[in-house]
Amino acid sequence: MQQINRATMQMLDFQKGVLNSLFDATYKIQLQTEAMTNDVIERYASFAPAGTTAALKGYMEMCKLGRENVKQLMDLNFNNLRSYFEN
């Protein structure tokens, strides 16, 4: 049984590593998208309809918040699985 738990822990560690890499890549893409969006907002703010700037900034914040919430949830679930197989 101990070998099964050790193998399961290794699989969990691998999957968590893959997930962390995915979140890092997502974070970098979101940073780049945010920078480009801010650049577009600065250049074309005078041409955009009222409220567009606030809507775009709100959308970027919601994306950021969603990514952080998913990351916290996945970390919590991996820790729960880990504690289950450590016992």
Foldseek 3Di string as FASTA:
>chain_A
DLVVLVVVLVVLVVVVVVVVVVLVVVVVVLVVVVVVVVVCCVVCVVVDDPPPVVVVVVVSVVVVVVSVVVNVVVVVVSVVVNVVSVD
